[in-house]
Amino acid sequence: MIANSPDSAVNALLERLNRDYLQAHFEKEDAFWKDKMGLVARVAGDFEAKENRLQAWVSAPTYLPALRKELAKPDLAPGDRVGLQGWLPSSKCMPSKTPKPAPWPNASWGWKDAYRKRAAPCG
């Protein structure tokens, strides 16, 4: 979701969130396909490292203060509000008090179970 005003703080926040997430997600997906398809470009351990990086980014509460500040504005344009609120579901699973990302397993076989346990309260 792009904010209504191209020079608004909200637009910059949404752009940063989307860009950072997409970069981490793309790198993980690229490593996944190289690893699972046995491509020549495969680097041992790269998929696990990229998956851990993505999960660390998703778990980090670093952008929540800016997100909450923008959502608290009463004159926020409806489109901006929708774009920002789109990031809230993932924030419910994030730690809110610690600046460090939650720990994730380093082995690829364990991350799914850890994610299920961690995500269970969020629905």
PDB file of N, CA and C in Angstrom:
ATOM      1  N   MET A   1       0.850  -1.174   0.000  1.00  0.00           N
ATOM      2  CA  MET A   1       0.000   0.000   0.000  1.00  0.00           C
ATOM      3  C   MET A   1       0.893   1.233   0.000  1.00  0.00           C
ATOM      4  N   ILE A   2       0.690   2.115  -0.920  1.00  0.00           N
ATOM      5  CA  ILE A   2       1.445   3.358  -0.997  1.00  0.00           C
ATOM      6  C   ILE A   2       0.610   4.468  -0.375  1.00  0.00           C
ATOM      7  N   ALA A   3       1.268   5.305   0.375  1.00  0.00           N
ATOM      8  CA  ALA A   3       0.574   6.411   1.026  1.00  0.00           C
ATOM      9  C   ALA A   3       0.075   7.413  -0.003  1.00  0.00           C
ATOM     10  N   ASN A   4      -0.914   8.210   0.399  1.00  0.00           N
ATOM     11  CA  ASN A   4      -1.525   9.169  -0.519  1.00  0.00           C
ATOM     12  C   ASN A   4      -0.585  10.301  -0.915  1.00  0.00           C
ATOM     13  N   SER A   5       0.210  10.781   0.003  1.00  0.00           N
ATOM     14  CA  SER A   5       1.097  11.895  -0.284  1.00  0.00           C
ATOM     15  C   SER A   5       2.518  11.390  -0.504  1.00  0.00           C
ATOM     16  N   PRO A   6       3.121  11.671  -1.661  1.00  0.00           N
ATOM     17  CA  PRO A   6       4.447  11.128  -1.943  1.00  0.00           C
ATOM     18  C   PRO A   6       5.536  11.629  -1.007  1.00  0.00           C
ATOM     19  N   ASP A   7       5.325  12.745  -0.334  1.00  0.00           N
ATOM     20  CA  ASP A   7       6.363  13.249   0.555  1.00  0.00           C
ATOM     21  C   ASP A   7       5.995  13.092   2.032  1.00  0.00           C
ATOM     22  N   SER A   8       5.020  12.273   2.334  1.00  0.00           N
ATOM     23  CA  SER A   8       4.611  12.098   3.723  1.00  0.00           C
ATOM     24  C   SER A   8       5.554  11.151   4.454  1.00  0.00           C
ATOM     25  N   ALA A   9       5.601  11.280   5.779  1.00  0.00           N
ATOM     26  CA  ALA A   9       6.397  10.380   6.607  1.00  0.00           C
ATOM     27  C   ALA A   9       5.852   8.963   6.512  1.00  0.00           C
ATOM     28  N   VAL A  10       4.553   8.846   6.342  1.00  0.00           N
ATOM     29  CA  VAL A  10       3.938   7.528   6.232  1.00  0.00           C
ATOM     30  C   VAL A  10       4.445   6.827   4.977  1.00  0.00           C
ATOM     31  N   ASN A  11       4.479   7.525   3.877  1.00  0.00           N
ATOM     32  CA  ASN A  11       4.954   6.922   2.643  1.00  0.00           C
ATOM     33  C   ASN A  11       6.381   6.416   2.817  1.00  0.00           C
ATOM     34  N   ALA A  12       7.236   7.188   3.456  1.00  0.00           N
ATOM     35  CA  ALA A  12       8.610   6.763   3.682  1.00  0.00           C
ATOM     36  C   ALA A  12       8.658   5.534   4.582  1.00  0.00           C
ATOM     37  N   LEU A  13       7.818   5.485   5.598  1.00  0.00           N
ATOM     38  CA  LEU A  13       7.776   4.338   6.497  1.00  0.00           C
ATOM     39  C   LEU A  13       7.304   3.089   5.749  1.00  0.00           C
ATOM     40  N   LEU A  14       6.225   3.210   5.003  1.00  0.00           N
ATOM     41  CA  LEU A  14       5.734   2.064   4.239  1.00  0.00           C
ATOM     42  C   LEU A  14       6.756   1.603   3.203  1.00  0.00           C
ATOM     43  N   GLU A  15       7.377   2.540   2.552  1.00  0.00           N
ATOM     44  CA  GLU A  15       8.386   2.196   1.553  1.00  0.00           C
ATOM     45  C   GLU A  15       9.544   1.445   2.194  1.00  0.00           C
ATOM     46  N   ARG A  16       9.999   1.939   3.356  1.00  0.00           N
ATOM     47  CA  ARG A  16      11.105   1.283   4.052  1.00  0.00           C
ATOM     48  C   ARG A  16      10.717  -0.127   4.509  1.00  0.00           C
ATOM     49  N   LEU A  17       9.542  -0.267   5.113  1.00  0.00           N
ATOM     50  CA  LEU A  17       9.090  -1.580   5.576  1.00  0.00           C
ATOM     51  C   LEU A  17       8.974  -2.559   4.417  1.00  0.00           C
ATOM     52  N   ASN A  18       8.315  -2.124   3.360  1.00  0.00           N
ATOM     53  CA  ASN A  18       8.136  -2.991   2.195  1.00  0.00           C
ATOM     54  C   ASN A  18       9.466  -3.363   1.558  1.00  0.00           C
ATOM     55  N   ARG A  19      10.343  -2.384   1.391  1.00  0.00           N
ATOM     56  CA  ARG A  19      11.644  -2.626   0.756  1.00  0.00           C
ATOM     57  C   ARG A  19      12.480  -3.603   1.590  1.00  0.00           C
ATOM     58  N   ASP A  20      12.565  -3.359   2.896  1.00  0.00           N
ATOM     59  CA  ASP A  20      13.389  -4.211   3.754  1.00  0.00           C
ATOM     60  C   ASP A  20      12.850  -5.636   3.811  1.00  0.00           C
ATOM     61  N   TYR A  21      11.530  -5.754   3.935  1.00  0.00           N
ATOM     62  CA  TYR A  21      10.929  -7.091   3.979  1.00  0.00           C
ATOM     63  C   TYR A  21      11.131  -7.823   2.655  1.00  0.00           C
ATOM     64  N   LEU A  22      10.839  -7.150   1.560  1.00  0.00           N
ATOM     65  CA  LEU A  22      10.968  -7.799   0.256  1.00  0.00           C
ATOM     66  C   LEU A  22      12.401  -8.216  -0.038  1.00  0.00           C
ATOM     67  N   GLN A  23      13.359  -7.410   0.370  1.00  0.00           N
ATOM     68  CA  GLN A  23      14.755  -7.773   0.143  1.00  0.00           C
ATOM     69  C   GLN A  23      15.105  -9.047   0.914  1.00  0.00           C
ATOM     70  N   ALA A  24      14.757  -9.083   2.210  1.00  0.00           N
ATOM     71  CA  ALA A  24      15.061 -10.262   3.020  1.00  0.00           C
ATOM     72  C   ALA A  24      14.300 -11.486   2.507  1.00  0.00           C
ATOM     73  N   HIS A  25      13.040 -11.294   2.129  1.00  0.00           N
ATOM     74  CA  HIS A  25      12.233 -12.406   1.639  1.00  0.00           C
ATOM     75  C   HIS A  25      12.759 -12.924   0.298  1.00  0.00           C
ATOM     76  N   PHE A  26      13.097 -12.023  -0.608  1.00  0.00           N
ATOM     77  CA  PHE A  26      13.618 -12.434  -1.910  1.00  0.00           C
ATOM     78  C   PHE A  26      14.914 -13.214  -1.749  1.00  0.00           C
ATOM     79  N   GLU A  27      15.808 -12.727  -0.897  1.00  0.00           N
ATOM     80  CA  GLU A  27      17.082 -13.419  -0.695  1.00  0.00           C
ATOM     81  C   GLU A  27      16.857 -14.821  -0.138  1.00  0.00           C
ATOM     82  N   LYS A  28      15.906 -14.951   0.799  1.00  0.00           N
ATOM     83  CA  LYS A  28      15.588 -16.267   1.355  1.00  0.00           C
ATOM     84  C   LYS A  28      15.009 -17.174   0.277  1.00  0.00           C
ATOM     85  N   GLU A  29      14.071 -16.670  -0.513  1.00  0.00           N
ATOM     86  CA  GLU A  29      13.459 -17.474  -1.573  1.00  0.00           C
ATOM     87  C   GLU A  29      14.490 -17.895  -2.615  1.00  0.00           C
ATOM     88  N   ASP A  30      15.370 -16.996  -2.977  1.00  0.00           N
ATOM     89  CA  ASP A  30      16.413 -17.314  -3.948  1.00  0.00           C
ATOM     90  C   ASP A  30      17.292 -18.444  -3.413  1.00  0.00           C
ATOM     91  N   ALA A  31      17.693 -18.335  -2.150  1.00  0.00           N
ATOM     92  CA  ALA A  31      18.518 -19.379  -1.540  1.00  0.00           C
ATOM     93  C   ALA A  31      17.739 -20.691  -1.402  1.00  0.00           C
ATOM     94  N   PHE A  32      16.445 -20.593  -1.107  1.00  0.00           N
ATOM     95  CA  PHE A  32      15.602 -21.788  -0.994  1.00  0.00           C
ATOM     96  C   PHE A  32      15.615 -22.574  -2.294  1.00  0.00           C
ATOM     97  N   TRP A  33      15.351 -21.909  -3.404  1.00  0.00           N
ATOM     98  CA  TRP A  33      15.271 -22.616  -4.680  1.00  0.00           C
ATOM     99  C   TRP A  33      16.623 -23.166  -5.097  1.00  0.00           C
ATOM    100  N   LYS A  34      17.674 -22.446  -4.829  1.00  0.00           N
ATOM    101  CA  LYS A  34      19.010 -22.967  -5.135  1.00  0.00           C
ATOM    102  C   LYS A  34      19.288 -24.215  -4.313  1.00  0.00           C
ATOM    103  N   ASP A  35      18.914 -24.163  -3.048  1.00  0.00           N
ATOM    104  CA  ASP A  35      19.174 -25.278  -2.138  1.00  0.00           C
ATOM    105  C   ASP A  35      18.299 -26.481  -2.458  1.00  0.00           C
ATOM    106  N   LYS A  36      17.015 -26.280  -2.606  1.00  0.00           N
ATOM    107  CA  LYS A  36      16.072 -27.387  -2.782  1.00  0.00           C
ATOM    108  C   LYS A  36      16.094 -27.978  -4.187  1.00  0.00           C
ATOM    109  N   MET A  37      16.516 -27.193  -5.160  1.00  0.00           N
ATOM    110  CA  MET A  37      16.586 -27.699  -6.532  1.00  0.00           C
ATOM    111  C   MET A  37      17.998 -28.144  -6.893  1.00  0.00           C
ATOM    112  N   GLY A  38      18.931 -28.001  -5.975  1.00  0.00           N
ATOM    113  CA  GLY A  38      20.296 -28.447  -6.221  1.00  0.00           C
ATOM    114  C   GLY A  38      20.978 -27.693  -7.337  1.00  0.00           C
ATOM    115  N   LEU A  39      20.696 -26.408  -7.450  1.00  0.00           N
ATOM    116  CA  LEU A  39      21.286 -25.608  -8.522  1.00  0.00           C
ATOM    117  C   LEU A  39      22.785 -25.417  -8.302  1.00  0.00           C
ATOM    118  N   VAL A  40      23.497 -25.187  -9.372  1.00  0.00           N
ATOM    119  CA  VAL A  40      24.939 -25.003  -9.308  1.00  0.00           C
ATOM    120  C   VAL A  40      25.300 -23.823  -8.397  1.00  0.00           C
ATOM    121  N   ALA A  41      24.480 -22.808  -8.373  1.00  0.00           N
ATOM    122  CA  ALA A  41      24.773 -21.610  -7.591  1.00  0.00           C
ATOM    123  C   ALA A  41      24.550 -21.805  -6.090  1.00  0.00           C
ATOM    124  N   ARG A  42      24.150 -23.008  -5.676  1.00  0.00           N
ATOM    125  CA  ARG A  42      23.881 -23.293  -4.265  1.00  0.00           C
ATOM    126  C   ARG A  42      25.130 -23.098  -3.412  1.00  0.00           C
ATOM    127  N   VAL A  43      24.942 -22.457  -2.276  1.00  0.00           N
ATOM    128  CA  VAL A  43      26.001 -22.283  -1.292  1.00  0.00           C
ATOM    129  C   VAL A  43      25.527 -22.971  -0.021  1.00  0.00           C
ATOM    130  N   ALA A  44      26.285 -23.920   0.462  1.00  0.00           N
ATOM    131  CA  ALA A  44      25.895 -24.667   1.655  1.00  0.00           C
ATOM    132  C   ALA A  44      25.651 -23.719   2.828  1.00  0.00           C
ATOM    133  N   GLY A  45      24.501 -23.889   3.484  1.00  0.00           N
ATOM    134  CA  GLY A  45      24.159 -23.081   4.641  1.00  0.00           C
ATOM    135  C   GLY A  45      23.543 -21.727   4.323  1.00  0.00           C
ATOM    136  N   ASP A  46      23.515 -21.361   3.048  1.00  0.00           N
ATOM    137  CA  ASP A  46      22.990 -20.045   2.669  1.00  0.00           C
ATOM    138  C   ASP A  46      21.490 -19.930   2.944  1.00  0.00           C
ATOM    139  N   PHE A  47      20.740 -20.971   2.623  1.00  0.00           N
ATOM    140  CA  PHE A  47      19.300 -20.924   2.852  1.00  0.00           C
ATOM    141  C   PHE A  47      18.993 -20.728   4.336  1.00  0.00           C
ATOM    142  N   GLU A  48      19.640 -21.500   5.192  1.00  0.00           N
ATOM    143  CA  GLU A  48      19.401 -21.374   6.628  1.00  0.00           C
ATOM    144  C   GLU A  48      19.764 -19.987   7.140  1.00  0.00           C
ATOM    145  N   ALA A  49      20.868 -19.455   6.659  1.00  0.00           N
ATOM    146  CA  ALA A  49      21.288 -18.117   7.084  1.00  0.00           C
ATOM    147  C   ALA A  49      20.279 -17.061   6.636  1.00  0.00           C
ATOM    148  N   LYS A  50      19.787 -17.176   5.410  1.00  0.00           N
ATOM    149  CA  LYS A  50      18.824 -16.201   4.899  1.00  0.00           C
ATOM    150  C   LYS A  50      17.477 -16.344   5.606  1.00  0.00           C
ATOM    151  N   GLU A  51      17.079 -17.571   5.900  1.00  0.00           N
ATOM    152  CA  GLU A  51      15.836 -17.795   6.645  1.00  0.00           C
ATOM    153  C   GLU A  51      15.949 -17.182   8.041  1.00  0.00           C
ATOM    154  N   ASN A  52      17.074 -17.390   8.691  1.00  0.00           N
ATOM    155  CA  ASN A  52      17.276 -16.806  10.023  1.00  0.00           C
ATOM    156  C   ASN A  52      17.265 -15.281   9.967  1.00  0.00           C
ATOM    157  N   ARG A  53      17.857 -14.716   8.915  1.00  0.00           N
ATOM    158  CA  ARG A  53      17.859 -13.256   8.763  1.00  0.00           C
ATOM    159  C   ARG A  53      16.435 -12.723   8.598  1.00  0.00           C
ATOM    160  N   LEU A  54      15.643 -13.391   7.759  1.00  0.00           N
ATOM    161  CA  LEU A  54      14.261 -12.966   7.552  1.00  0.00           C
ATOM    162  C   LEU A  54      13.469 -13.064   8.856  1.00  0.00           C
ATOM    163  N   GLN A  55      13.603 -14.164   9.563  1.00  0.00           N
ATOM    164  CA  GLN A  55      12.869 -14.329  10.815  1.00  0.00           C
ATOM    165  C   GLN A  55      13.321 -13.320  11.874  1.00  0.00           C
ATOM    166  N   ALA A  56      14.601 -13.004  11.889  1.00  0.00           N
ATOM    167  CA  ALA A  56      15.097 -11.989  12.820  1.00  0.00           C
ATOM    168  C   ALA A  56      14.490 -10.628  12.486  1.00  0.00           C
ATOM    169  N   TRP A  57      14.385 -10.313  11.194  1.00  0.00           N
ATOM    170  CA  TRP A  57      13.792  -9.031  10.788  1.00  0.00           C
ATOM    171  C   TRP A  57      12.320  -8.974  11.186  1.00  0.00           C
ATOM    172  N   VAL A  58      11.591 -10.044  10.914  1.00  0.00           N
ATOM    173  CA  VAL A  58      10.171 -10.082  11.242  1.00  0.00           C
ATOM    174  C   VAL A  58       9.961  -9.998  12.753  1.00  0.00           C
ATOM    175  N   SER A  59      10.874 -10.563  13.522  1.00  0.00           N
ATOM    176  CA  SER A  59      10.749 -10.592  14.976  1.00  0.00           C
ATOM    177  C   SER A  59      11.205  -9.305  15.660  1.00  0.00           C
ATOM    178  N   ALA A  60      11.947  -8.498  14.964  1.00  0.00           N
ATOM    179  CA  ALA A  60      12.500  -7.284  15.578  1.00  0.00           C
ATOM    180  C   ALA A  60      11.429  -6.203  15.718  1.00  0.00           C
ATOM    181  N   PRO A  61      11.323  -5.600  16.883  1.00  0.00           N
ATOM    182  CA  PRO A  61      10.310  -4.571  17.104  1.00  0.00           C
ATOM    183  C   PRO A  61      10.775  -3.171  16.709  1.00  0.00           C
ATOM    184  N   THR A  62      11.832  -3.058  15.944  1.00  0.00           N
ATOM    185  CA  THR A  62      12.449  -1.759  15.690  1.00  0.00           C
ATOM    186  C   THR A  62      11.539  -0.754  14.995  1.00  0.00           C
ATOM    187  N   TYR A  63      10.627  -1.202  14.155  1.00  0.00           N
ATOM    188  CA  TYR A  63       9.777  -0.251  13.444  1.00  0.00           C
ATOM    189  C   TYR A  63       8.452   0.019  14.144  1.00  0.00           C
ATOM    190  N   LEU A  64       8.145  -0.701  15.227  1.00  0.00           N
ATOM    191  CA  LEU A  64       6.847  -0.546  15.876  1.00  0.00           C
ATOM    192  C   LEU A  64       6.597   0.850  16.451  1.00  0.00           C
ATOM    193  N   PRO A  65       7.582   1.499  17.065  1.00  0.00           N
ATOM    194  CA  PRO A  65       7.299   2.855  17.561  1.00  0.00           C
ATOM    195  C   PRO A  65       6.857   3.812  16.451  1.00  0.00           C
ATOM    196  N   ALA A  66       7.529   3.780  15.312  1.00  0.00           N
ATOM    197  CA  ALA A  66       7.151   4.660  14.198  1.00  0.00           C
ATOM    198  C   ALA A  66       5.777   4.290  13.664  1.00  0.00           C
ATOM    199  N   LEU A  67       5.484   3.003  13.601  1.00  0.00           N
ATOM    200  CA  LEU A  67       4.189   2.532  13.129  1.00  0.00           C
ATOM    201  C   LEU A  67       3.078   3.009  14.064  1.00  0.00           C
ATOM    202  N   ARG A  68       3.277   2.845  15.347  1.00  0.00           N
ATOM    203  CA  ARG A  68       2.275   3.288  16.330  1.00  0.00           C
ATOM    204  C   ARG A  68       2.088   4.803  16.304  1.00  0.00           C
ATOM    205  N   LYS A  69       3.177   5.532  16.151  1.00  0.00           N
ATOM    206  CA  LYS A  69       3.106   6.996  16.110  1.00  0.00           C
ATOM    207  C   LYS A  69       2.260   7.464  14.925  1.00  0.00           C
ATOM    208  N   GLU A  70       2.494   6.885  13.772  1.00  0.00           N
ATOM    209  CA  GLU A  70       1.735   7.285  12.586  1.00  0.00           C
ATOM    210  C   GLU A  70       0.262   6.894  12.713  1.00  0.00           C
ATOM    211  N   LEU A  71      -0.014   5.701  13.241  1.00  0.00           N
ATOM    212  CA  LEU A  71      -1.399   5.255  13.379  1.00  0.00           C
ATOM    213  C   LEU A  71      -2.174   6.076  14.418  1.00  0.00           C
ATOM    214  N   ALA A  72      -1.483   6.706  15.333  1.00  0.00           N
ATOM    215  CA  ALA A  72      -2.137   7.517  16.361  1.00  0.00           C
ATOM    216  C   ALA A  72      -2.603   8.878  15.827  1.00  0.00           C
ATOM    217  N   LYS A  73      -2.157   9.253  14.669  1.00  0.00           N
ATOM    218  CA  LYS A  73      -2.533  10.543  14.099  1.00  0.00           C
ATOM    219  C   LYS A  73      -4.011  10.528  13.692  1.00  0.00           C
ATOM    220  N   PRO A  74      -4.806  11.469  14.217  1.00  0.00           N
ATOM    221  CA  PRO A  74      -6.234  11.479  13.895  1.00  0.00           C
ATOM    222  C   PRO A  74      -6.527  11.875  12.443  1.00  0.00           C
ATOM    223  N   ASP A  75      -5.638  12.623  11.825  1.00  0.00           N
ATOM    224  CA  ASP A  75      -5.882  13.099  10.459  1.00  0.00           C
ATOM    225  C   ASP A  75      -5.216  12.224   9.397  1.00  0.00           C
ATOM    226  N   LEU A  76      -4.884  11.012   9.758  1.00  0.00           N
ATOM    227  CA  LEU A  76      -4.240  10.086   8.829  1.00  0.00           C
ATOM    228  C   LEU A  76      -5.211   9.734   7.697  1.00  0.00           C
ATOM    229  N   ALA A  77      -4.737   9.831   6.485  1.00  0.00           N
ATOM    230  CA  ALA A  77      -5.576   9.506   5.325  1.00  0.00           C
ATOM    231  C   ALA A  77      -5.971   8.027   5.380  1.00  0.00           C
ATOM    232  N   PRO A  78      -7.186   7.699   4.936  1.00  0.00           N
ATOM    233  CA  PRO A  78      -7.649   6.304   4.994  1.00  0.00           C
ATOM    234  C   PRO A  78      -6.701   5.310   4.306  1.00  0.00           C
ATOM    235  N   GLY A  79      -6.171   5.678   3.161  1.00  0.00           N
ATOM    236  CA  GLY A  79      -5.247   4.779   2.459  1.00  0.00           C
ATOM    237  C   GLY A  79      -3.962   4.546   3.238  1.00  0.00           C
ATOM    238  N   ASP A  80      -3.478   5.618   3.884  1.00  0.00           N
ATOM    239  CA  ASP A  80      -2.280   5.485   4.712  1.00  0.00           C
ATOM    240  C   ASP A  80      -2.557   4.567   5.900  1.00  0.00           C
ATOM    241  N   ARG A  81      -3.728   4.734   6.503  1.00  0.00           N
ATOM    242  CA  ARG A  81      -4.098   3.922   7.668  1.00  0.00           C
ATOM    243  C   ARG A  81      -4.155   2.438   7.280  1.00  0.00           C
ATOM    244  N   VAL A  82      -4.755   2.135   6.145  1.00  0.00           N
ATOM    245  CA  VAL A  82      -4.850   0.747   5.691  1.00  0.00           C
ATOM    246  C   VAL A  82      -3.454   0.170   5.473  1.00  0.00           C
ATOM    247  N   GLY A  83      -2.590   0.927   4.826  1.00  0.00           N
ATOM    248  CA  GLY A  83      -1.230   0.451   4.571  1.00  0.00           C
ATOM    249  C   GLY A  83      -0.466   0.164   5.848  1.00  0.00           C
ATOM    250  N   LEU A  84      -0.581   1.067   6.806  1.00  0.00           N
ATOM    251  CA  LEU A  84       0.117   0.877   8.080  1.00  0.00           C
ATOM    252  C   LEU A  84      -0.498  -0.259   8.892  1.00  0.00           C
ATOM    253  N   GLN A  85      -1.815  -0.347   8.890  1.00  0.00           N
ATOM    254  CA  GLN A  85      -2.470  -1.414   9.645  1.00  0.00           C
ATOM    255  C   GLN A  85      -2.127  -2.793   9.083  1.00  0.00           C
ATOM    256  N   GLY A  86      -1.768  -2.841   7.833  1.00  0.00           N
ATOM    257  CA  GLY A  86      -1.374  -4.111   7.236  1.00  0.00           C
ATOM    258  C   GLY A  86      -0.150  -4.724   7.889  1.00  0.00           C
ATOM    259  N   TRP A  87       0.666  -3.895   8.529  1.00  0.00           N
ATOM    260  CA  TRP A  87       1.850  -4.391   9.226  1.00  0.00           C
ATOM    261  C   TRP A  87       1.542  -4.840  10.653  1.00  0.00           C
ATOM    262  N   LEU A  88       0.382  -4.496  11.187  1.00  0.00           N
ATOM    263  CA  LEU A  88       0.078  -4.830  12.580  1.00  0.00           C
ATOM    264  C   LEU A  88      -0.088  -6.320  12.862  1.00  0.00           C
ATOM    265  N   PRO A  89      -0.711  -7.121  11.996  1.00  0.00           N
ATOM    266  CA  PRO A  89      -0.836  -8.545  12.345  1.00  0.00           C
ATOM    267  C   PRO A  89       0.496  -9.208  12.671  1.00  0.00           C
ATOM    268  N   SER A  90       1.537  -8.882  11.929  1.00  0.00           N
ATOM    269  CA  SER A  90       2.836  -9.489  12.231  1.00  0.00           C
ATOM    270  C   SER A  90       3.403  -8.943  13.529  1.00  0.00           C
ATOM    271  N   SER A  91       3.050  -7.712  13.884  1.00  0.00           N
ATOM    272  CA  SER A  91       3.591  -7.136  15.111  1.00  0.00           C
ATOM    273  C   SER A  91       3.015  -7.788  16.354  1.00  0.00           C
ATOM    274  N   LYS A  92       1.864  -8.447  16.245  1.00  0.00           N
ATOM    275  CA  LYS A  92       1.282  -9.119  17.402  1.00  0.00           C
ATOM    276  C   LYS A  92       2.123 -10.310  17.834  1.00  0.00           C
ATOM    277  N   CYS A  93       2.908 -10.840  16.927  1.00  0.00           N
ATOM    278  CA  CYS A  93       3.764 -11.979  17.251  1.00  0.00           C
ATOM    279  C   CYS A  93       5.172 -11.539  17.619  1.00  0.00           C
ATOM    280  N   MET A  94       5.432 -10.251  17.548  1.00  0.00           N
ATOM    281  CA  MET A  94       6.765  -9.755  17.822  1.00  0.00           C
ATOM    282  C   MET A  94       6.931  -9.439  19.295  1.00  0.00           C
ATOM    283  N   PRO A  95       8.155  -9.575  19.783  1.00  0.00           N
ATOM    284  CA  PRO A  95       8.399  -9.119  21.143  1.00  0.00           C
ATOM    285  C   PRO A  95       8.277  -7.603  21.163  1.00  0.00           C
ATOM    286  N   SER A  96       7.680  -7.049  22.197  1.00  0.00           N
ATOM    287  CA  SER A  96       7.477  -5.600  22.206  1.00  0.00           C
ATOM    288  C   SER A  96       8.377  -4.873  23.181  1.00  0.00           C
ATOM    289  N   LYS A  97       9.054  -5.569  24.062  1.00  0.00           N
ATOM    290  CA  LYS A  97       9.843  -4.905  25.089  1.00  0.00           C
ATOM    291  C   LYS A  97      11.344  -4.972  24.838  1.00  0.00           C
ATOM    292  N   THR A  98      11.791  -5.893  24.045  1.00  0.00           N
ATOM    293  CA  THR A  98      13.223  -6.075  23.861  1.00  0.00           C
ATOM    294  C   THR A  98      13.667  -5.591  22.488  1.00  0.00           C
ATOM    295  N   PRO A  99      14.820  -4.903  22.400  1.00  0.00           N
ATOM    296  CA  PRO A  99      15.303  -4.450  21.099  1.00  0.00           C
ATOM    297  C   PRO A  99      15.961  -5.560  20.290  1.00  0.00           C
ATOM    298  N   LYS A 100      16.213  -6.733  20.918  1.00  0.00           N
ATOM    299  CA  LYS A 100      16.865  -7.835  20.208  1.00  0.00           C
ATOM    300  C   LYS A 100      15.823  -8.736  19.559  1.00  0.00           C
ATOM    301  N   PRO A 101      16.133  -9.278  18.381  1.00  0.00           N
ATOM    302  CA  PRO A 101      15.207 -10.224  17.763  1.00  0.00           C
ATOM    303  C   PRO A 101      15.076 -11.481  18.618  1.00  0.00           C
ATOM    304  N   ALA A 102      13.934 -12.103  18.548  1.00  0.00           N
ATOM    305  CA  ALA A 102      13.737 -13.366  19.256  1.00  0.00           C
ATOM    306  C   ALA A 102      14.653 -14.418  18.648  1.00  0.00           C
ATOM    307  N   PRO A 103      15.153 -15.343  19.450  1.00  0.00           N
ATOM    308  CA  PRO A 103      16.055 -16.361  18.902  1.00  0.00           C
ATOM    309  C   PRO A 103      15.312 -17.343  18.006  1.00  0.00           C
ATOM    310  N   TRP A 104      15.965 -17.721  16.941  1.00  0.00           N
ATOM    311  CA  TRP A 104      15.409 -18.716  16.016  1.00  0.00           C
ATOM    312  C   TRP A 104      16.421 -19.823  15.869  1.00  0.00           C
ATOM    313  N   PRO A 105      15.950 -21.033  15.668  1.00  0.00           N
ATOM    314  CA  PRO A 105      16.873 -22.157  15.496  1.00  0.00           C
ATOM    315  C   PRO A 105      17.759 -21.955  14.276  1.00  0.00           C
ATOM    316  N   ASN A 106      18.971 -22.458  14.360  1.00  0.00           N
ATOM    317  CA  ASN A 106      19.892 -22.347  13.230  1.00  0.00           C
ATOM    318  C   ASN A 106      19.789 -23.525  12.280  1.00  0.00           C
ATOM    319  N   ALA A 107      19.087 -24.562  12.667  1.00  0.00           N
ATOM    320  CA  ALA A 107      18.944 -25.728  11.794  1.00  0.00           C
ATOM    321  C   ALA A 107      17.651 -25.613  11.002  1.00  0.00           C
ATOM    322  N   SER A 108      17.708 -25.901   9.721  1.00  0.00           N
ATOM    323  CA  SER A 108      16.527 -25.741   8.875  1.00  0.00           C
ATOM    324  C   SER A 108      15.396 -26.669   9.293  1.00  0.00           C
ATOM    325  N   TRP A 109      15.688 -27.813   9.874  1.00  0.00           N
ATOM    326  CA  TRP A 109      14.637 -28.747  10.262  1.00  0.00           C
ATOM    327  C   TRP A 109      13.836 -28.249  11.454  1.00  0.00           C
ATOM    328  N   GLY A 110      14.377 -27.328  12.246  1.00  0.00           N
ATOM    329  CA  GLY A 110      13.709 -26.902  13.458  1.00  0.00           C
ATOM    330  C   GLY A 110      12.931 -25.607  13.349  1.00  0.00           C
ATOM    331  N   TRP A 111      13.163 -24.840  12.332  1.00  0.00           N
ATOM    332  CA  TRP A 111      12.532 -23.516  12.303  1.00  0.00           C
ATOM    333  C   TRP A 111      11.026 -23.601  12.154  1.00  0.00           C
ATOM    334  N   LYS A 112      10.508 -24.583  11.425  1.00  0.00           N
ATOM    335  CA  LYS A 112       9.061 -24.667  11.232  1.00  0.00           C
ATOM    336  C   LYS A 112       8.349 -24.969  12.546  1.00  0.00           C
ATOM    337  N   ASP A 113       8.895 -25.903  13.334  1.00  0.00           N
ATOM    338  CA  ASP A 113       8.284 -26.215  14.626  1.00  0.00           C
ATOM    339  C   ASP A 113       8.356 -25.013  15.558  1.00  0.00           C
ATOM    340  N   ALA A 114       9.490 -24.330  15.559  1.00  0.00           N
ATOM    341  CA  ALA A 114       9.623 -23.148  16.410  1.00  0.00           C
ATOM    342  C   ALA A 114       8.645 -22.067  15.978  1.00  0.00           C
ATOM    343  N   TYR A 115       8.461 -21.907  14.671  1.00  0.00           N
ATOM    344  CA  TYR A 115       7.534 -20.898  14.172  1.00  0.00           C
ATOM    345  C   TYR A 115       6.096 -21.245  14.577  1.00  0.00           C
ATOM    346  N   ARG A 116       5.731 -22.524  14.433  1.00  0.00           N
ATOM    347  CA  ARG A 116       4.369 -22.933  14.807  1.00  0.00           C
ATOM    348  C   ARG A 116       4.110 -22.649  16.277  1.00  0.00           C
ATOM    349  N   LYS A 117       5.049 -22.976  17.143  1.00  0.00           N
ATOM    350  CA  LYS A 117       4.888 -22.735  18.574  1.00  0.00           C
ATOM    351  C   LYS A 117       4.784 -21.238  18.852  1.00  0.00           C
ATOM    352  N   ARG A 118       5.604 -20.465  18.179  1.00  0.00           N
ATOM    353  CA  ARG A 118       5.656 -19.018  18.395  1.00  0.00           C
ATOM    354  C   ARG A 118       4.418 -18.342  17.817  1.00  0.00           C
ATOM    355  N   ALA A 119       3.941 -18.815  16.674  1.00  0.00           N
ATOM    356  CA  ALA A 119       2.828 -18.161  15.993  1.00  0.00           C
ATOM    357  C   ALA A 119       1.465 -18.612  16.526  1.00  0.00           C
ATOM    358  N   ALA A 120       1.423 -19.693  17.255  1.00  0.00           N
ATOM    359  CA  ALA A 120       0.146 -20.242  17.711  1.00  0.00           C
ATOM    360  C   ALA A 120      -0.751 -19.220  18.416  1.00  0.00           C
ATOM    361  N   PRO A 121      -0.235 -18.391  19.355  1.00  0.00           N
ATOM    362  CA  PRO A 121      -1.119 -17.439  20.018  1.00  0.00           C
ATOM    363  C   PRO A 121      -1.653 -16.360  19.100  1.00  0.00           C
ATOM    364  N   CYS A 122      -1.036 -16.203  17.962  1.00  0.00           N
ATOM    365  CA  CYS A 122      -1.440 -15.122  17.054  1.00  0.00           C
ATOM    366  C   CYS A 122      -2.502 -15.568  16.075  1.00  0.00           C
ATOM    367  N   GLY A 123      -2.822 -16.794  16.064  1.00  0.00           N
ATOM    368  CA  GLY A 123      -3.939 -17.219  15.275  1.00  0.00           C
ATOM    369  C   GLY A 123      -3.660 -17.962  14.050  1.00  0.00           C
TER     370      GLY A 123
END
